N, C-alpha and C. Protein backbone atom coordinates (compact mmCIF):
# COMPACT_ATOMS: atom_id res chain seq x y z
N MET A 1 0.94 -1.07 0.15
CA MET A 1 -0.04 0.00 0.15
C MET A 1 0.95 1.29 -0.11
N LEU A 2 0.54 2.12 -0.75
CA LEU A 2 1.41 3.57 -0.94
C LEU A 2 1.18 4.26 0.10
N PRO A 3 1.89 5.11 0.69
CA PRO A 3 1.52 6.08 1.53
C PRO A 3 0.74 7.33 1.07
N SER A 4 -0.13 7.87 1.88
CA SER A 4 -0.90 9.19 1.40
C SER A 4 0.00 10.28 1.01
N TRP A 5 -0.41 11.21 0.59
CA TRP A 5 0.37 12.40 0.21
C TRP A 5 0.61 13.07 1.51
N SER A 6 0.03 13.27 2.81
CA SER A 6 0.17 13.96 3.87
C SER A 6 1.03 13.08 4.67
N GLN A 7 1.10 11.80 4.55
CA GLN A 7 2.18 10.92 5.20
C GLN A 7 3.51 11.13 4.36
N PHE A 8 3.54 11.25 3.08
CA PHE A 8 4.67 11.31 2.54
C PHE A 8 5.40 12.72 2.91
N LEU A 9 4.42 13.80 2.92
CA LEU A 9 5.04 15.02 3.20
C LEU A 9 5.72 14.98 4.67
N TYR A 10 4.92 14.44 5.62
CA TYR A 10 5.15 14.18 7.08
C TYR A 10 6.55 13.57 7.08
N LEU A 11 6.94 12.73 6.42
CA LEU A 11 8.18 12.00 6.42
C LEU A 11 9.26 12.67 5.84
N ARG A 12 8.77 13.46 4.89
CA ARG A 12 10.19 14.34 4.17
C ARG A 12 10.31 15.49 5.05
N ALA A 13 9.44 15.85 5.88
CA ALA A 13 9.90 17.10 6.97
C ALA A 13 10.51 16.41 8.08
N MET A 14 10.21 15.22 8.44
CA MET A 14 10.73 14.49 9.55
C MET A 14 12.34 14.44 9.21
N LYS A 15 12.50 13.89 7.89
CA LYS A 15 14.04 13.64 7.42
C LYS A 15 14.49 15.01 7.55
N PHE A 16 14.09 16.14 7.06
CA PHE A 16 14.60 17.40 7.09
C PHE A 16 15.07 17.78 8.34
N VAL A 17 14.12 17.72 9.29
CA VAL A 17 14.42 17.98 10.65
C VAL A 17 15.56 17.18 11.15
N ILE A 18 15.66 15.75 11.04
CA ILE A 18 16.87 15.25 11.59
C ILE A 18 17.86 15.53 10.84
N PHE A 19 18.09 15.67 9.53
CA PHE A 19 19.19 16.20 8.97
C PHE A 19 19.79 17.64 9.42
N LEU A 20 19.05 18.54 9.58
CA LEU A 20 19.33 19.70 9.95
C LEU A 20 19.99 19.64 11.55
N GLY A 21 19.32 18.72 12.42
CA GLY A 21 19.75 18.78 13.62
C GLY A 21 21.32 17.83 13.75
N LEU A 22 21.36 16.95 12.80
CA LEU A 22 22.81 16.39 12.59
C LEU A 22 23.57 17.65 12.15
N LEU A 23 23.04 18.06 11.37
CA LEU A 23 24.32 19.03 10.64
C LEU A 23 24.67 20.15 11.86
N ILE A 24 23.64 20.84 12.63
CA ILE A 24 24.15 21.35 13.55
C ILE A 24 25.01 20.66 14.54
N LEU A 25 24.87 19.44 14.82
CA LEU A 25 25.39 18.71 15.96
C LEU A 25 26.97 18.67 15.38
N VAL A 26 27.05 18.25 14.19
CA VAL A 26 28.57 17.98 13.44
C VAL A 26 29.16 19.58 13.39
N SER A 27 28.21 20.47 13.01
CA SER A 27 29.00 22.02 13.06
C SER A 27 29.74 22.27 14.16
N CYS A 28 28.97 22.01 15.23
CA CYS A 28 29.54 22.31 16.85
C CYS A 28 30.61 21.40 17.18
N ASN A 29 30.84 20.01 16.56
CA ASN A 29 31.56 18.91 17.08
C ASN A 29 31.19 18.56 18.39
N GLY A 30 30.09 18.77 18.59
CA GLY A 30 29.46 18.14 19.77
C GLY A 30 30.04 18.47 20.92
N LYS A 31 30.84 19.70 20.98
CA LYS A 31 31.28 19.99 22.25
C LYS A 31 30.94 21.19 22.53
N LEU A 32 30.83 21.35 24.03
CA LEU A 32 30.50 22.45 24.60
C LEU A 32 31.68 23.14 25.45
N SER A 33 31.60 24.32 25.59
CA SER A 33 32.68 25.31 26.17
C SER A 33 32.51 24.93 27.80
N ASP A 34 33.48 24.94 28.53
CA ASP A 34 33.52 24.99 29.94
C ASP A 34 32.50 25.94 30.64
N GLU A 35 32.11 27.02 29.91
CA GLU A 35 31.20 27.81 30.52
C GLU A 35 29.83 27.44 30.21
N GLN A 36 29.50 26.84 29.12
CA GLN A 36 28.33 26.03 28.81
C GLN A 36 27.98 24.94 29.74
N LYS A 37 29.10 24.13 30.10
CA LYS A 37 28.79 22.86 30.93
C LYS A 37 28.42 23.31 32.18
N ARG A 38 29.05 24.41 32.75
CA ARG A 38 29.07 25.13 34.00
C ARG A 38 27.62 25.52 34.33
N LYS A 39 27.13 26.01 33.25
CA LYS A 39 25.58 26.59 33.12
C LYS A 39 24.55 25.34 33.38
N ILE A 40 24.84 24.42 32.56
CA ILE A 40 24.01 23.32 32.50
C ILE A 40 24.18 22.73 33.90
N ARG A 41 25.36 22.21 34.17
CA ARG A 41 25.32 21.58 35.59
C ARG A 41 24.56 22.56 36.62
N GLU A 42 24.86 24.07 36.80
CA GLU A 42 24.04 24.56 37.77
C GLU A 42 22.57 24.48 37.52
N GLU A 43 22.03 24.35 36.34
CA GLU A 43 20.77 24.42 35.92
C GLU A 43 19.94 22.92 36.34
N ARG A 44 21.01 22.11 36.16
CA ARG A 44 20.51 20.75 36.61
C ARG A 44 20.38 20.58 38.19
N GLU A 45 21.27 21.35 38.78
CA GLU A 45 21.27 21.39 40.25
C GLU A 45 20.09 22.08 40.82
N GLU A 46 19.78 23.01 40.18
CA GLU A 46 18.65 23.94 40.43
C GLU A 46 17.21 23.29 40.48
N SER A 47 17.28 22.45 39.56
CA SER A 47 15.98 22.06 39.01
C SER A 47 15.81 20.36 39.85
N LYS A 48 16.73 20.29 40.61
CA LYS A 48 16.58 18.90 41.55
C LYS A 48 15.57 19.16 42.73
N ILE A 49 14.72 18.19 43.01
CA ILE A 49 13.77 18.42 43.92
C ILE A 49 14.46 18.03 45.22
N LYS A 50 14.42 18.96 46.24
CA LYS A 50 14.85 18.74 47.50
C LYS A 50 13.84 18.83 48.62
N LYS A 51 14.22 18.19 49.56
CA LYS A 51 13.41 17.87 50.83
C LYS A 51 13.96 18.81 51.91
N ILE A 52 13.16 19.54 52.20
CA ILE A 52 13.64 20.63 53.13
C ILE A 52 12.73 20.93 54.34
N SER A 53 13.35 20.99 55.62
CA SER A 53 12.52 21.02 56.44
C SER A 53 12.20 22.37 57.08
N GLU A 54 11.28 22.70 57.77
CA GLU A 54 10.81 23.90 58.27
C GLU A 54 11.84 24.43 58.91
N ALA A 55 12.79 23.84 59.59
CA ALA A 55 14.09 24.27 60.56
C ALA A 55 15.03 24.55 59.64
N ASP A 56 15.22 24.02 58.50
CA ASP A 56 16.19 24.60 57.50
C ASP A 56 15.96 25.64 56.95
N ILE A 57 14.42 25.99 56.86
CA ILE A 57 14.20 27.28 56.08
C ILE A 57 14.23 28.44 57.09
N THR A 58 13.80 28.23 58.26
CA THR A 58 14.32 29.09 59.42
C THR A 58 15.56 29.53 59.56
N GLU A 59 16.39 28.51 59.36
CA GLU A 59 17.72 28.59 59.41
C GLU A 59 18.38 29.42 58.38
N ALA A 60 17.96 29.35 57.15
CA ALA A 60 18.22 29.99 56.03
C ALA A 60 17.80 31.53 56.03
N ALA A 61 16.54 31.67 56.78
CA ALA A 61 16.18 32.89 56.78
C ALA A 61 16.86 33.64 57.78
N PHE A 62 17.18 33.17 58.80
CA PHE A 62 18.16 33.77 59.78
C PHE A 62 19.22 34.44 59.18
N SER A 63 19.90 33.28 58.39
CA SER A 63 21.22 33.67 57.74
C SER A 63 21.14 34.51 56.32
N TYR A 64 20.20 34.56 55.63
CA TYR A 64 19.53 35.41 54.76
C TYR A 64 19.52 37.10 55.24
N GLY A 65 18.72 36.95 56.29
CA GLY A 65 18.29 38.40 56.75
C GLY A 65 19.40 38.89 57.29
N ARG A 66 20.41 38.07 57.99
CA ARG A 66 21.52 38.61 58.72
C ARG A 66 22.60 39.36 57.73
N LYS A 67 22.59 38.43 56.72
CA LYS A 67 23.42 39.01 55.49
C LYS A 67 23.10 40.34 55.00
N ILE A 68 21.58 40.50 54.70
CA ILE A 68 21.05 41.73 54.29
C ILE A 68 20.99 42.74 55.08
N THR A 69 20.63 42.51 56.59
CA THR A 69 20.81 43.50 57.25
C THR A 69 22.29 44.00 57.92
N GLU A 70 23.22 43.34 57.70
CA GLU A 70 24.36 43.76 57.81
C GLU A 70 25.12 44.68 56.96
N ILE A 71 24.51 44.53 55.62
CA ILE A 71 24.69 45.42 54.47
C ILE A 71 24.13 46.97 54.85
N ILE A 72 23.01 46.67 55.17
CA ILE A 72 21.98 47.89 55.43
C ILE A 72 22.49 48.58 56.38
N GLU A 73 22.90 47.85 57.67
CA GLU A 73 23.60 48.77 58.76
C GLU A 73 24.77 49.35 58.54
N ARG A 74 25.46 48.92 57.58
CA ARG A 74 26.87 49.70 57.64
C ARG A 74 26.65 50.73 56.40
N ARG A 75 25.73 50.61 55.66
CA ARG A 75 25.58 51.71 54.46
C ARG A 75 24.04 52.81 55.12
N ASP A 76 23.30 52.37 55.76
CA ASP A 76 22.23 53.06 55.67
C ASP A 76 21.30 52.63 57.10
N LYS A 77 21.99 53.08 58.03
CA LYS A 77 21.15 52.46 59.12
C LYS A 77 19.69 53.21 59.61
N THR A 78 19.63 54.25 58.98
CA THR A 78 18.40 55.20 59.32
C THR A 78 17.11 54.75 58.00
N LEU A 79 17.73 53.76 57.37
CA LEU A 79 16.68 53.13 56.16
C LEU A 79 16.10 54.57 55.47
N SER A 80 16.88 55.44 55.07
CA SER A 80 16.47 56.62 54.33
C SER A 80 16.99 56.75 52.65
N ASN A 81 18.13 55.75 52.57
CA ASN A 81 18.48 55.92 51.41
C ASN A 81 17.64 54.88 50.28
N GLN A 82 16.77 55.31 49.49
CA GLN A 82 15.81 54.62 48.69
C GLN A 82 16.58 54.02 47.71
N LYS A 83 17.43 54.59 47.17
CA LYS A 83 18.15 53.90 46.01
C LYS A 83 19.06 52.72 46.50
N LEU A 84 19.50 52.85 47.42
CA LEU A 84 20.28 51.33 48.13
C LEU A 84 19.22 50.40 48.41
N ILE A 85 17.93 50.84 49.24
CA ILE A 85 16.99 49.79 49.51
C ILE A 85 16.32 49.02 48.16
N ASP A 86 16.03 49.82 47.47
CA ASP A 86 15.68 49.41 45.66
C ASP A 86 16.71 48.48 45.18
N SER A 87 18.03 48.69 45.37
CA SER A 87 18.95 47.93 44.68
C SER A 87 19.03 46.55 45.40
N LEU A 88 19.11 46.67 46.76
CA LEU A 88 18.99 45.52 47.59
C LEU A 88 17.71 44.81 47.53
N GLU A 89 16.64 45.16 47.13
CA GLU A 89 15.46 44.43 46.81
C GLU A 89 15.51 43.86 45.74
N SER A 90 15.98 44.44 44.60
CA SER A 90 16.17 43.82 43.28
C SER A 90 17.38 42.69 43.65
N VAL A 91 18.34 42.71 44.05
CA VAL A 91 19.31 41.92 44.07
C VAL A 91 19.04 40.65 44.69
N PHE A 92 18.28 40.58 45.89
CA PHE A 92 18.21 39.67 46.78
C PHE A 92 16.71 39.19 46.83
N HIS A 93 15.85 39.76 45.89
CA HIS A 93 14.45 39.38 45.42
C HIS A 93 13.55 39.44 47.10
N ILE A 94 13.78 40.57 47.61
CA ILE A 94 12.95 40.58 49.02
C ILE A 94 12.46 42.10 49.12
N GLU A 95 11.46 42.20 49.97
CA GLU A 95 11.09 43.42 50.41
C GLU A 95 11.50 44.17 51.74
N ILE A 96 12.30 45.29 51.60
CA ILE A 96 12.49 45.71 52.96
C ILE A 96 11.58 46.88 53.27
N ILE A 97 11.14 46.68 54.55
CA ILE A 97 10.03 47.68 55.12
C ILE A 97 10.76 48.16 56.67
N SER A 98 10.37 49.29 56.96
CA SER A 98 10.56 49.96 58.07
C SER A 98 9.12 49.64 59.24
N LEU A 99 9.76 49.02 60.21
CA LEU A 99 8.57 48.75 60.99
C LEU A 99 8.66 49.61 62.29
N GLN A 100 7.26 50.46 62.28
CA GLN A 100 7.50 51.56 63.44
C GLN A 100 6.24 51.44 63.91
N THR A 101 6.06 51.93 65.20
CA THR A 101 4.81 51.61 66.01
C THR A 101 3.53 52.35 65.29
N ASN A 102 3.65 53.72 64.80
CA ASN A 102 2.50 54.24 64.16
C ASN A 102 2.29 53.88 62.76
N ASP A 103 2.75 52.93 62.11
CA ASP A 103 2.35 52.90 60.80
C ASP A 103 1.04 51.90 60.84
N SER A 104 0.02 52.29 60.15
CA SER A 104 -1.11 51.79 60.07
C SER A 104 -1.13 50.61 58.82
N THR A 105 -0.13 50.52 57.85
CA THR A 105 0.04 49.93 56.70
C THR A 105 0.65 48.35 57.13
N LEU A 106 0.69 48.21 58.39
CA LEU A 106 1.87 46.92 58.77
C LEU A 106 0.38 45.83 58.66
N ARG A 107 1.06 44.81 58.37
CA ARG A 107 0.41 43.37 58.73
C ARG A 107 -0.02 43.16 60.02
N VAL A 108 -0.92 42.06 60.52
CA VAL A 108 -1.21 41.99 61.94
C VAL A 108 0.25 41.45 62.43
N VAL A 109 0.98 40.47 61.87
CA VAL A 109 2.28 39.73 62.26
C VAL A 109 3.18 40.93 62.61
N GLU A 110 3.39 41.86 61.87
CA GLU A 110 4.24 42.78 61.93
C GLU A 110 3.70 43.82 63.15
N LYS A 111 2.71 44.07 63.28
CA LYS A 111 2.14 44.87 64.40
C LYS A 111 2.57 43.82 65.83
N GLN A 112 2.51 42.83 65.68
CA GLN A 112 2.48 41.93 67.13
C GLN A 112 4.16 42.10 67.24
N ILE A 113 5.17 41.94 66.16
CA ILE A 113 6.33 41.85 66.60
C ILE A 113 6.73 43.12 66.95
N ILE A 114 6.22 44.44 66.53
CA ILE A 114 6.71 45.60 67.13
C ILE A 114 6.15 45.59 68.53
N GLU A 115 4.96 45.34 68.90
CA GLU A 115 4.65 45.20 70.32
C GLU A 115 5.44 44.37 70.95
N ALA A 116 5.90 43.31 70.68
CA ALA A 116 6.96 42.47 71.49
C ALA A 116 8.03 43.16 71.74
N TYR A 117 8.87 43.76 70.81
CA TYR A 117 9.98 44.65 70.78
C TYR A 117 9.79 45.65 71.79
N ILE A 118 8.75 46.27 71.90
CA ILE A 118 8.53 47.74 72.52
C ILE A 118 8.29 46.87 74.15
N SER A 119 7.38 46.11 74.44
CA SER A 119 7.21 45.23 75.68
C SER A 119 8.60 44.74 76.22
N GLY A 120 9.47 44.74 75.56
CA GLY A 120 10.74 44.04 75.80
C GLY A 120 11.57 44.68 76.84
N GLY A 121 11.35 46.10 76.66
CA GLY A 121 11.72 47.24 77.50
C GLY A 121 13.09 47.51 76.97
N ASN A 122 13.09 48.96 77.66
CA ASN A 122 14.54 49.59 77.25
C ASN A 122 15.77 48.93 77.92
N GLY A 123 17.07 48.83 77.49
CA GLY A 123 18.05 48.23 78.18
C GLY A 123 17.90 46.64 77.98
N VAL A 124 17.10 45.90 77.60
CA VAL A 124 16.92 44.36 77.43
C VAL A 124 17.50 44.49 75.90
N THR A 125 18.38 43.31 75.98
CA THR A 125 18.83 42.86 74.69
C THR A 125 17.75 42.36 73.81
N LEU A 126 17.33 42.85 72.88
CA LEU A 126 16.51 42.44 71.78
C LEU A 126 17.16 41.76 70.87
N SER A 127 16.61 40.59 70.22
CA SER A 127 17.39 40.01 69.13
C SER A 127 16.40 39.81 67.82
N ASP A 128 17.04 39.37 66.80
CA ASP A 128 16.36 39.42 65.35
C ASP A 128 15.56 38.26 65.39
N ASN A 129 14.48 38.34 64.82
CA ASN A 129 13.26 37.28 64.68
C ASN A 129 12.87 36.83 63.16
N VAL A 130 12.15 35.39 63.22
CA VAL A 130 11.75 34.98 62.08
C VAL A 130 10.23 34.63 62.24
N GLN A 131 9.47 35.08 61.54
CA GLN A 131 8.03 34.52 61.45
C GLN A 131 7.35 34.36 60.14
N LYS A 132 6.49 33.38 60.15
CA LYS A 132 6.08 32.70 58.90
C LYS A 132 4.78 33.86 58.54
N MET A 133 4.59 34.23 57.29
CA MET A 133 3.48 35.03 56.93
C MET A 133 2.99 34.38 55.61
N GLY A 134 1.82 33.59 56.01
CA GLY A 134 1.17 32.94 55.00
C GLY A 134 2.01 31.45 54.73
N LYS A 135 1.61 30.70 53.70
CA LYS A 135 2.08 29.63 53.36
C LYS A 135 3.45 29.77 52.34
N ASP A 136 3.55 30.95 51.98
CA ASP A 136 4.95 31.10 50.85
C ASP A 136 5.79 32.29 51.12
N SER A 137 5.72 32.87 52.13
CA SER A 137 6.92 33.86 52.95
C SER A 137 7.15 33.78 54.30
N ILE A 138 8.30 34.63 54.36
CA ILE A 138 8.82 34.58 55.69
C ILE A 138 9.01 36.26 56.09
N LEU A 139 9.02 36.54 57.47
CA LEU A 139 9.35 37.95 57.84
C LEU A 139 10.46 37.78 58.75
N TYR A 140 11.58 38.55 58.43
CA TYR A 140 12.77 38.51 59.25
C TYR A 140 12.72 39.88 59.67
N THR A 141 12.90 40.18 60.93
CA THR A 141 12.94 41.49 61.49
C THR A 141 14.17 41.29 62.56
N LYS A 142 14.63 42.63 62.56
CA LYS A 142 15.78 42.99 63.54
C LYS A 142 15.37 44.37 64.00
N PRO A 143 15.69 44.56 65.52
CA PRO A 143 15.20 45.74 66.17
C PRO A 143 16.44 46.91 66.02
N LEU A 144 15.90 47.69 65.77
CA LEU A 144 16.98 49.01 65.68
C LEU A 144 17.26 49.67 66.66
N MET A 145 18.20 49.83 67.69
CA MET A 145 18.19 50.61 68.78
C MET A 145 19.07 51.55 68.49
N GLN A 146 18.69 52.68 69.61
CA GLN A 146 19.21 54.12 69.59
C GLN A 146 19.79 54.43 70.89
N GLU A 147 20.99 54.87 71.10
CA GLU A 147 21.54 54.92 72.46
C GLU A 147 21.17 56.65 72.85
N GLN A 148 20.83 56.39 74.13
CA GLN A 148 19.91 57.75 74.83
C GLN A 148 21.13 58.36 75.54
N VAL A 149 20.87 59.66 75.93
CA VAL A 149 21.89 60.50 76.61
C VAL A 149 22.29 60.11 77.71
N ASP A 150 21.66 59.30 78.54
CA ASP A 150 22.15 58.61 79.69
C ASP A 150 22.83 57.26 79.64
N GLY A 151 22.91 56.78 78.30
CA GLY A 151 23.95 55.84 78.16
C GLY A 151 22.95 54.70 77.89
N SER A 152 21.58 54.64 78.11
CA SER A 152 20.89 53.53 77.94
C SER A 152 20.63 53.29 76.33
N VAL A 153 20.04 52.14 76.16
CA VAL A 153 19.52 52.10 74.78
C VAL A 153 18.13 51.81 74.61
N ALA A 154 17.57 52.35 73.70
CA ALA A 154 16.08 52.44 73.38
C ALA A 154 15.60 51.76 72.08
N PHE A 155 14.63 51.20 72.05
CA PHE A 155 14.05 50.53 70.85
C PHE A 155 13.31 51.66 69.94
N THR A 156 13.86 51.99 68.75
CA THR A 156 13.04 52.95 67.87
C THR A 156 12.46 52.39 66.75
N LYS A 157 12.65 51.42 66.08
CA LYS A 157 11.95 50.78 65.05
C LYS A 157 12.79 49.38 64.59
N ALA A 158 12.17 48.56 63.70
CA ALA A 158 12.52 47.23 63.43
C ALA A 158 12.78 47.50 61.97
N LEU A 159 13.82 46.91 61.45
CA LEU A 159 13.89 46.41 60.13
C LEU A 159 13.27 45.30 59.48
N GLY A 160 12.55 45.16 58.73
CA GLY A 160 11.77 44.00 58.32
C GLY A 160 12.09 43.55 56.73
N LEU A 161 12.26 42.07 56.75
CA LEU A 161 12.50 41.75 55.37
C LEU A 161 11.40 40.55 55.12
N ARG A 162 10.51 41.00 54.05
CA ARG A 162 9.81 39.99 53.53
C ARG A 162 10.28 39.31 52.47
N ILE A 163 10.54 37.86 52.70
CA ILE A 163 11.00 36.98 51.93
C ILE A 163 10.24 35.68 51.51
N ALA A 164 10.12 35.60 50.12
CA ALA A 164 9.48 34.48 49.70
C ALA A 164 10.53 33.27 49.86
N LYS A 165 9.54 32.09 50.39
CA LYS A 165 10.27 30.89 50.58
C LYS A 165 10.97 30.11 49.61
N ARG A 166 10.52 30.54 48.14
CA ARG A 166 11.28 29.76 47.12
C ARG A 166 12.54 30.56 47.12
N GLU A 167 12.97 31.77 47.51
CA GLU A 167 14.39 32.48 47.57
C GLU A 167 14.80 32.03 48.33
N LEU A 168 14.59 31.34 49.93
CA LEU A 168 15.15 30.92 50.61
C LEU A 168 15.71 29.53 50.37
N ILE A 169 14.87 28.76 49.61
CA ILE A 169 15.02 27.44 49.43
C ILE A 169 16.31 27.35 48.29
N ARG A 170 16.41 28.69 47.60
CA ARG A 170 17.38 28.38 46.30
C ARG A 170 18.93 28.83 47.02
N THR A 171 18.76 29.25 48.39
CA THR A 171 19.95 29.54 49.08
C THR A 171 20.36 28.42 49.66
N ILE A 172 19.54 27.43 49.90
CA ILE A 172 20.05 26.31 50.75
C ILE A 172 20.73 25.45 49.75
N LYS A 173 21.91 24.98 50.10
CA LYS A 173 22.83 23.92 49.36
C LYS A 173 22.36 22.67 49.58
């Protein structure tokens, strides 16, 4: 039985595609540069399925948050340099916020953290904190203290980082 005209055209097209693919492969000698091999290896590692516990995510959030807040504290402790904040947000894929007591735009979790920092009192060593915000994001906060005239320190505001869990997972090796 002879093939139909559409089958004939399909077979011709497939032969052409295979020939073209082989031609490209031969022209490249089938070799990749070291840079191309490295990129393929990195993409393969990134696409692997990882089983990560909540504890691992929390540790990654502390590490990631401390890394970013260290940069901010060195360059702009008052959080007034919007250009720096914007560049850090785009580089680290986060949202940087200033958590203050009189801010009505804060979420419930953020208000609770501010209240906890305030109730911690003056002179008490306040530490950074990590909280879940829904299913897919984490809030890292660090209190910013100001030294008073009498030598004591008082809580002024907190530095907040809203981080997507997927970003944290990418940082875990």
